[in-house]
Amino acid sequence: EPTITRLINRKTLLSLIPLSDRAIYDMEKRGDFPARIALTSRDVAWEMGSVELWIQSRKAASIEVLRPGGRP
């Protein structure tokens, strides 16, 4: 039985991810962000679950990143 996947549009994605559309596109091309799904020739969407996993991975990675002025 097919699983229902929630898709989000560009406007919703950009409200969740505080990056420019171009930055997200560049990360997609490098494989560093979930790939968009072409719905029509003009409309694209992203799987919400994949975006949520990406956010969780960034949270985990940020714990390991030394911030400027921070201590190890």
C-alpha atoms as a PDB file:
ATOM      1  CA  GLU A   1       0.000   0.000   0.000  1.00  0.00           C
ATOM      2  CA  PRO A   2       1.463   3.396  -0.962  1.00  0.00           C
ATOM      3  CA  THR A   3       2.651   5.712   1.776  1.00  0.00           C
ATOM      4  CA  ILE A   4       1.242   9.225   1.751  1.00  0.00           C
ATOM      5  CA  THR A   5       4.053  11.744   1.428  1.00  0.00           C
ATOM      6  CA  ARG A   6       3.473  15.353   2.382  1.00  0.00           C
ATOM      7  CA  LEU A   7       4.845  17.752  -0.208  1.00  0.00           C
ATOM      8  CA  ILE A   8       5.631  21.402   0.426  1.00  0.00           C
ATOM      9  CA  ASN A   9       5.953  24.193  -2.125  1.00  0.00           C
ATOM     10  CA  ARG A  10       8.788  26.705  -2.495  1.00  0.00           C
ATOM     11  CA  LYS A  11       7.068  29.347  -0.338  1.00  0.00           C
ATOM     12  CA  THR A  12       6.643  26.902   2.547  1.00  0.00           C
ATOM     13  CA  LEU A  13      10.207  25.609   2.146  1.00  0.00           C
ATOM     14  CA  LEU A  14      11.641  29.120   2.260  1.00  0.00           C
ATOM     15  CA  SER A  15       9.582  29.862   5.393  1.00  0.00           C
ATOM     16  CA  LEU A  16      11.197  26.837   7.094  1.00  0.00           C
ATOM     17  CA  ILE A  17      14.752  27.240   5.807  1.00  0.00           C
ATOM     18  CA  PRO A  18      16.191  30.769   6.206  1.00  0.00           C
ATOM     19  CA  LEU A  19      18.345  30.540   3.097  1.00  0.00           C
ATOM     20  CA  SER A  20      17.955  32.052  -0.343  1.00  0.00           C
ATOM     21  CA  ASP A  21      16.328  30.115  -3.138  1.00  0.00           C
ATOM     22  CA  ARG A  22      19.702  30.121  -4.932  1.00  0.00           C
ATOM     23  CA  ALA A  23      21.564  28.729  -1.895  1.00  0.00           C
ATOM     24  CA  ILE A  24      19.072  25.876  -1.636  1.00  0.00           C
ATOM     25  CA  TYR A  25      19.351  25.195  -5.375  1.00  0.00           C
ATOM     26  CA  ASP A  26      23.163  25.106  -5.145  1.00  0.00           C
ATOM     27  CA  MET A  27      23.015  22.723  -2.166  1.00  0.00           C
ATOM     28  CA  GLU A  28      20.625  20.463  -4.098  1.00  0.00           C
ATOM     29  CA  LYS A  29      23.032  20.333  -7.038  1.00  0.00           C
ATOM     30  CA  ARG A  30      25.868  19.313  -4.677  1.00  0.00           C
ATOM     31  CA  GLY A  31      23.666  16.688  -3.015  1.00  0.00           C
ATOM     32  CA  ASP A  32      23.668  18.588   0.292  1.00  0.00           C
ATOM     33  CA  PHE A  33      19.893  19.204   0.366  1.00  0.00           C
ATOM     34  CA  PRO A  34      16.864  17.069  -0.546  1.00  0.00           C
ATOM     35  CA  ALA A  35      16.107  17.178  -4.260  1.00  0.00           C
ATOM     36  CA  ARG A  36      13.016  18.915  -5.543  1.00  0.00           C
ATOM     37  CA  ILE A  37      10.241  17.003  -7.277  1.00  0.00           C
ATOM     38  CA  ALA A  38       8.882  18.420 -10.538  1.00  0.00           C
ATOM     39  CA  LEU A  39       5.093  18.440 -10.325  1.00  0.00           C
ATOM     40  CA  THR A  40       4.563  20.267 -13.597  1.00  0.00           C
ATOM     41  CA  SER A  41       6.814  22.152 -15.981  1.00  0.00           C
ATOM     42  CA  ARG A  42       6.569  25.195 -13.664  1.00  0.00           C
ATOM     43  CA  ASP A  43       5.830  23.826 -10.201  1.00  0.00           C
ATOM     44  CA  VAL A  44       8.170  21.981  -7.877  1.00  0.00           C
ATOM     45  CA  ALA A  45       7.834  20.610  -4.366  1.00  0.00           C
ATOM     46  CA  TRP A  46       9.922  18.942  -1.677  1.00  0.00           C
ATOM     47  CA  GLU A  47       9.095  15.995   0.572  1.00  0.00           C
ATOM     48  CA  MET A  48       8.454  17.379   4.049  1.00  0.00           C
ATOM     49  CA  GLY A  49       9.969  14.294   5.687  1.00  0.00           C
ATOM     50  CA  SER A  50      13.235  14.709   3.777  1.00  0.00           C
ATOM     51  CA  VAL A  51      13.408  18.394   4.680  1.00  0.00           C
ATOM     52  CA  GLU A  52      12.747  17.582   8.350  1.00  0.00           C
ATOM     53  CA  LEU A  53      15.546  14.997   8.304  1.00  0.00           C
ATOM     54  CA  TRP A  54      17.881  17.586   6.757  1.00  0.00           C
ATOM     55  CA  ILE A  55      16.998  20.058   9.531  1.00  0.00           C
ATOM     56  CA  GLN A  56      17.699  17.389  12.168  1.00  0.00           C
ATOM     57  CA  SER A  57      21.056  16.602  10.548  1.00  0.00           C
ATOM     58  CA  ARG A  58      21.988  20.300  10.614  1.00  0.00           C
ATOM     59  CA  LYS A  59      21.046  20.501  14.296  1.00  0.00           C
ATOM     60  CA  ALA A  60      23.263  17.517  15.048  1.00  0.00           C
ATOM     61  CA  ALA A  61      26.129  18.954  12.997  1.00  0.00           C
ATOM     62  CA  SER A  62      25.841  22.372  14.652  1.00  0.00           C
ATOM     63  CA  ILE A  63      26.579  20.833  18.035  1.00  0.00           C
ATOM     64  CA  GLU A  64      29.977  19.779  16.646  1.00  0.00           C
ATOM     65  CA  VAL A  65      30.785  23.124  15.030  1.00  0.00           C
ATOM     66  CA  LEU A  66      32.928  25.506  17.031  1.00  0.00           C
ATOM     67  CA  ARG A  67      31.304  28.899  16.896  1.00  0.00           C
ATOM     68  CA  PRO A  68      33.460  32.028  16.660  1.00  0.00           C
ATOM     69  CA  GLY A  69      34.465  33.074  20.159  1.00  0.00           C
ATOM     70  CA  GLY A  70      33.268  29.768  21.557  1.00  0.00           C
ATOM     71  CA  ARG A  71      35.198  27.250  23.542  1.00  0.00           C
ATOM     72  CA  PRO A  72      35.939  23.679  22.442  1.00  0.00           C
END
